[in-house]
């Protein structure tokens, strides 16, 4: 599950609200151990996603770096290459 949470800091353009929400959702799924909460837990689950996304957005806005911004396409290609090596059949 956590492999779906991607680095969001230091990209140009900055992370979208959808990317931040997706990361928050994956985090809550991992912590709760549930991809789809029961009706009894849905409100708490959804509230946690919103709150974590909110805090994540603040974190991203407050982080400072002197490194040049990364390119999403280049980083995606690197990840694909790592994955190919990791899951290569012998």
N, C-alpha and C. Protein backbone atom coordinates (compact mmCIF):
# COMPACT_ATOMS: atom_id res chain seq x y z
N UNK A 1 0.81 -1.20 0.00
CA UNK A 1 0.00 0.00 0.00
C UNK A 1 0.85 1.27 0.00
N UNK A 2 1.86 1.32 0.86
CA UNK A 2 2.63 2.56 1.00
C UNK A 2 3.47 2.88 -0.22
N UNK A 3 3.69 1.90 -1.08
CA UNK A 3 4.45 2.21 -2.29
C UNK A 3 3.70 3.21 -3.16
N UNK A 4 2.42 3.38 -2.91
CA UNK A 4 1.62 4.32 -3.69
C UNK A 4 1.74 5.75 -3.20
N UNK A 5 2.39 5.95 -2.06
CA UNK A 5 2.60 7.31 -1.57
C UNK A 5 3.90 7.80 -2.18
N UNK A 6 3.80 8.84 -2.96
CA UNK A 6 4.96 9.37 -3.67
C UNK A 6 5.44 10.67 -3.02
N UNK A 7 6.71 10.94 -3.21
CA UNK A 7 7.27 12.20 -2.72
C UNK A 7 6.53 13.34 -3.41
N UNK A 8 6.17 14.34 -2.62
CA UNK A 8 5.41 15.47 -3.16
C UNK A 8 6.18 16.79 -3.08
N UNK A 9 7.28 16.78 -2.36
CA UNK A 9 8.03 18.02 -2.14
C UNK A 9 9.01 18.29 -3.27
N UNK A 10 9.17 19.54 -3.60
CA UNK A 10 10.18 20.05 -4.52
C UNK A 10 9.95 19.62 -5.97
N UNK A 11 8.72 19.76 -6.41
CA UNK A 11 8.40 19.53 -7.82
C UNK A 11 7.90 20.83 -8.42
N UNK A 12 8.13 20.98 -9.70
CA UNK A 12 7.61 22.13 -10.43
C UNK A 12 6.76 21.58 -11.55
N UNK A 13 5.48 21.85 -11.61
CA UNK A 13 4.69 22.63 -10.65
C UNK A 13 4.49 21.85 -9.35
N UNK A 14 4.10 22.56 -8.31
CA UNK A 14 3.95 21.94 -6.99
C UNK A 14 2.84 20.88 -7.00
N UNK A 15 2.85 20.08 -5.96
CA UNK A 15 1.87 18.99 -5.85
C UNK A 15 0.44 19.54 -5.90
N UNK A 16 -0.40 18.83 -6.61
CA UNK A 16 -1.80 19.24 -6.72
C UNK A 16 -2.57 18.77 -5.48
N UNK A 17 -3.74 19.33 -5.30
CA UNK A 17 -4.60 18.89 -4.20
C UNK A 17 -4.97 17.42 -4.35
N UNK A 18 -5.13 16.97 -5.59
CA UNK A 18 -5.45 15.55 -5.83
C UNK A 18 -4.30 14.65 -5.39
N UNK A 19 -3.06 15.07 -5.65
CA UNK A 19 -1.90 14.27 -5.23
C UNK A 19 -1.79 14.23 -3.71
N UNK A 20 -2.03 15.35 -3.07
CA UNK A 20 -1.97 15.42 -1.61
C UNK A 20 -3.07 14.55 -1.02
N UNK A 21 -4.27 14.63 -1.57
CA UNK A 21 -5.39 13.81 -1.09
C UNK A 21 -5.10 12.33 -1.27
N UNK A 22 -4.55 11.95 -2.42
CA UNK A 22 -4.24 10.55 -2.68
C UNK A 22 -3.21 10.01 -1.68
N UNK A 23 -2.22 10.82 -1.36
CA UNK A 23 -1.22 10.40 -0.37
C UNK A 23 -1.85 10.26 1.01
N UNK A 24 -2.72 11.20 1.37
CA UNK A 24 -3.41 11.13 2.67
C UNK A 24 -4.29 9.89 2.73
N UNK A 25 -5.00 9.60 1.66
CA UNK A 25 -5.86 8.43 1.60
C UNK A 25 -5.05 7.15 1.78
N UNK A 26 -3.92 7.04 1.10
CA UNK A 26 -3.08 5.86 1.22
C UNK A 26 -2.55 5.71 2.64
N UNK A 27 -2.18 6.84 3.26
CA UNK A 27 -1.69 6.81 4.63
C UNK A 27 -2.77 6.29 5.58
N UNK A 28 -3.97 6.82 5.45
CA UNK A 28 -5.07 6.40 6.33
C UNK A 28 -5.42 4.93 6.09
N UNK A 29 -5.39 4.51 4.84
CA UNK A 29 -5.65 3.10 4.54
C UNK A 29 -4.62 2.20 5.23
N UNK A 30 -3.36 2.61 5.16
CA UNK A 30 -2.30 1.80 5.75
C UNK A 30 -2.44 1.76 7.27
N UNK A 31 -2.62 2.91 7.89
CA UNK A 31 -2.72 2.98 9.35
C UNK A 31 -3.94 2.23 9.86
N UNK A 32 -5.05 2.38 9.17
CA UNK A 32 -6.30 1.74 9.63
C UNK A 32 -6.37 0.25 9.26
N UNK A 33 -5.57 -0.14 8.29
CA UNK A 33 -5.62 -1.53 7.84
C UNK A 33 -6.83 -1.83 6.99
N UNK A 34 -7.44 -0.79 6.44
CA UNK A 34 -8.67 -0.96 5.68
C UNK A 34 -8.66 -0.07 4.44
N UNK A 35 -8.98 -0.66 3.30
CA UNK A 35 -9.07 0.16 2.09
C UNK A 35 -10.46 0.78 1.96
N UNK A 36 -11.45 0.11 2.54
CA UNK A 36 -12.82 0.63 2.55
C UNK A 36 -13.38 0.44 3.95
N UNK A 37 -13.56 1.54 4.66
CA UNK A 37 -14.05 1.42 6.03
C UNK A 37 -15.52 0.98 6.07
N UNK A 38 -15.91 0.42 7.19
CA UNK A 38 -17.31 0.06 7.39
C UNK A 38 -18.12 1.35 7.52
N UNK A 39 -19.42 1.23 7.42
CA UNK A 39 -20.28 2.41 7.58
C UNK A 39 -20.06 3.06 8.94
N UNK A 40 -19.81 2.24 9.96
CA UNK A 40 -19.60 2.76 11.31
C UNK A 40 -18.33 3.59 11.40
N UNK A 41 -17.34 3.28 10.55
CA UNK A 41 -16.06 3.98 10.61
C UNK A 41 -15.84 4.97 9.48
N UNK A 42 -16.76 5.07 8.56
CA UNK A 42 -16.58 5.91 7.37
C UNK A 42 -16.34 7.37 7.72
N UNK A 43 -17.09 7.91 8.67
CA UNK A 43 -16.94 9.32 9.02
C UNK A 43 -15.55 9.60 9.59
N UNK A 44 -15.09 8.76 10.50
CA UNK A 44 -13.76 8.94 11.09
C UNK A 44 -12.67 8.78 10.04
N UNK A 45 -12.84 7.81 9.15
CA UNK A 45 -11.89 7.56 8.06
C UNK A 45 -11.80 8.78 7.15
N UNK A 46 -12.95 9.27 6.70
CA UNK A 46 -12.97 10.42 5.79
C UNK A 46 -12.43 11.68 6.46
N UNK A 47 -12.76 11.87 7.73
CA UNK A 47 -12.25 13.03 8.46
C UNK A 47 -10.72 12.97 8.58
N UNK A 48 -10.20 11.78 8.84
CA UNK A 48 -8.75 11.61 8.93
C UNK A 48 -8.07 11.95 7.61
N UNK A 49 -8.64 11.52 6.50
CA UNK A 49 -8.07 11.82 5.19
C UNK A 49 -8.02 13.34 4.98
N UNK A 50 -9.10 14.02 5.27
CA UNK A 50 -9.16 15.48 5.09
C UNK A 50 -8.14 16.17 5.97
N UNK A 51 -8.06 15.76 7.24
CA UNK A 51 -7.14 16.41 8.17
C UNK A 51 -5.68 16.16 7.79
N UNK A 52 -5.36 14.94 7.39
CA UNK A 52 -3.99 14.63 6.99
C UNK A 52 -3.62 15.36 5.71
N UNK A 53 -4.54 15.46 4.78
CA UNK A 53 -4.28 16.22 3.55
C UNK A 53 -4.01 17.68 3.89
N UNK A 54 -4.77 18.23 4.81
CA UNK A 54 -4.61 19.63 5.23
C UNK A 54 -3.23 19.85 5.85
N UNK A 55 -2.86 18.98 6.76
CA UNK A 55 -1.55 19.10 7.42
C UNK A 55 -0.42 18.89 6.41
N UNK A 56 -0.61 17.96 5.49
CA UNK A 56 0.40 17.70 4.46
C UNK A 56 0.61 18.93 3.59
N UNK A 57 -0.48 19.59 3.22
CA UNK A 57 -0.37 20.81 2.40
C UNK A 57 0.43 21.87 3.16
N UNK A 58 0.16 22.03 4.46
CA UNK A 58 0.94 22.99 5.26
C UNK A 58 2.41 22.60 5.30
N UNK A 59 2.69 21.33 5.48
CA UNK A 59 4.07 20.86 5.50
C UNK A 59 4.77 21.21 4.19
N UNK A 60 4.14 20.90 3.08
CA UNK A 60 4.75 21.18 1.78
C UNK A 60 4.99 22.68 1.58
N UNK A 61 4.08 23.50 2.06
CA UNK A 61 4.24 24.96 1.93
C UNK A 61 5.38 25.48 2.80
N UNK A 62 5.63 24.83 3.94
CA UNK A 62 6.63 25.31 4.89
C UNK A 62 8.03 24.77 4.65
N UNK A 63 8.16 23.67 3.91
CA UNK A 63 9.48 23.10 3.66
C UNK A 63 10.31 24.02 2.78
N UNK A 64 11.61 24.07 3.07
CA UNK A 64 12.53 24.93 2.33
C UNK A 64 13.65 24.06 1.77
N UNK A 65 14.05 24.34 0.55
CA UNK A 65 15.16 23.61 -0.05
C UNK A 65 15.92 24.52 -1.00
N UNK A 66 17.20 24.23 -1.17
CA UNK A 66 18.00 24.96 -2.16
C UNK A 66 18.20 24.11 -3.41
N UNK A 67 17.72 22.87 -3.38
CA UNK A 67 17.85 21.98 -4.53
C UNK A 67 16.92 22.44 -5.65
N UNK A 68 17.34 22.24 -6.88
CA UNK A 68 16.46 22.60 -7.99
C UNK A 68 15.23 21.70 -8.00
N UNK A 69 14.10 22.22 -8.46
CA UNK A 69 12.87 21.41 -8.50
C UNK A 69 13.05 20.18 -9.39
N UNK A 70 12.38 19.12 -9.01
CA UNK A 70 12.44 17.87 -9.77
C UNK A 70 11.38 17.87 -10.86
N UNK A 71 11.63 17.05 -11.87
CA UNK A 71 10.70 16.89 -12.98
C UNK A 71 9.94 15.58 -12.77
N UNK A 72 8.62 15.65 -12.77
CA UNK A 72 7.80 14.46 -12.53
C UNK A 72 8.07 13.34 -13.54
N UNK A 73 8.23 13.71 -14.79
CA UNK A 73 8.45 12.70 -15.82
C UNK A 73 9.78 11.98 -15.63
N UNK A 74 10.81 12.73 -15.26
CA UNK A 74 12.13 12.13 -15.02
C UNK A 74 12.05 11.20 -13.80
N UNK A 75 11.41 11.65 -12.74
CA UNK A 75 11.28 10.83 -11.53
C UNK A 75 10.45 9.59 -11.80
N UNK A 76 9.41 9.71 -12.61
CA UNK A 76 8.59 8.55 -12.96
C UNK A 76 9.40 7.53 -13.76
N UNK A 77 10.24 8.02 -14.66
CA UNK A 77 11.09 7.12 -15.45
C UNK A 77 12.08 6.39 -14.55
N UNK A 78 12.65 7.10 -13.58
CA UNK A 78 13.57 6.46 -12.63
C UNK A 78 12.85 5.38 -11.83
N UNK A 79 11.64 5.68 -11.38
CA UNK A 79 10.86 4.71 -10.60
C UNK A 79 10.53 3.49 -11.44
N UNK A 80 10.19 3.70 -12.70
CA UNK A 80 9.88 2.59 -13.59
C UNK A 80 11.10 1.71 -13.80
N UNK A 81 12.25 2.34 -13.93
CA UNK A 81 13.49 1.59 -14.09
C UNK A 81 13.82 0.76 -12.83
N UNK A 82 13.65 1.38 -11.66
CA UNK A 82 13.88 0.66 -10.40
C UNK A 82 12.93 -0.53 -10.29
N UNK A 83 11.69 -0.31 -10.66
CA UNK A 83 10.69 -1.36 -10.60
C UNK A 83 11.04 -2.51 -11.54
N UNK A 84 11.48 -2.16 -12.74
CA UNK A 84 11.85 -3.19 -13.71
C UNK A 84 12.99 -4.04 -13.19
N UNK A 85 13.98 -3.40 -12.56
CA UNK A 85 15.10 -4.15 -11.98
C UNK A 85 14.63 -5.01 -10.81
N UNK A 86 13.76 -4.46 -9.99
CA UNK A 86 13.31 -5.16 -8.80
C UNK A 86 12.48 -6.39 -9.13
N UNK A 87 11.63 -6.26 -10.13
CA UNK A 87 10.70 -7.34 -10.46
C UNK A 87 11.07 -8.09 -11.73
N UNK A 88 12.31 -7.92 -12.17
CA UNK A 88 12.77 -8.61 -13.39
C UNK A 88 12.76 -10.12 -13.17
N UNK A 89 12.35 -10.82 -14.19
CA UNK A 89 12.36 -12.27 -14.10
C UNK A 89 13.73 -12.77 -14.51
N UNK A 90 14.21 -13.77 -13.83
CA UNK A 90 15.56 -14.27 -14.08
C UNK A 90 15.58 -15.32 -15.16
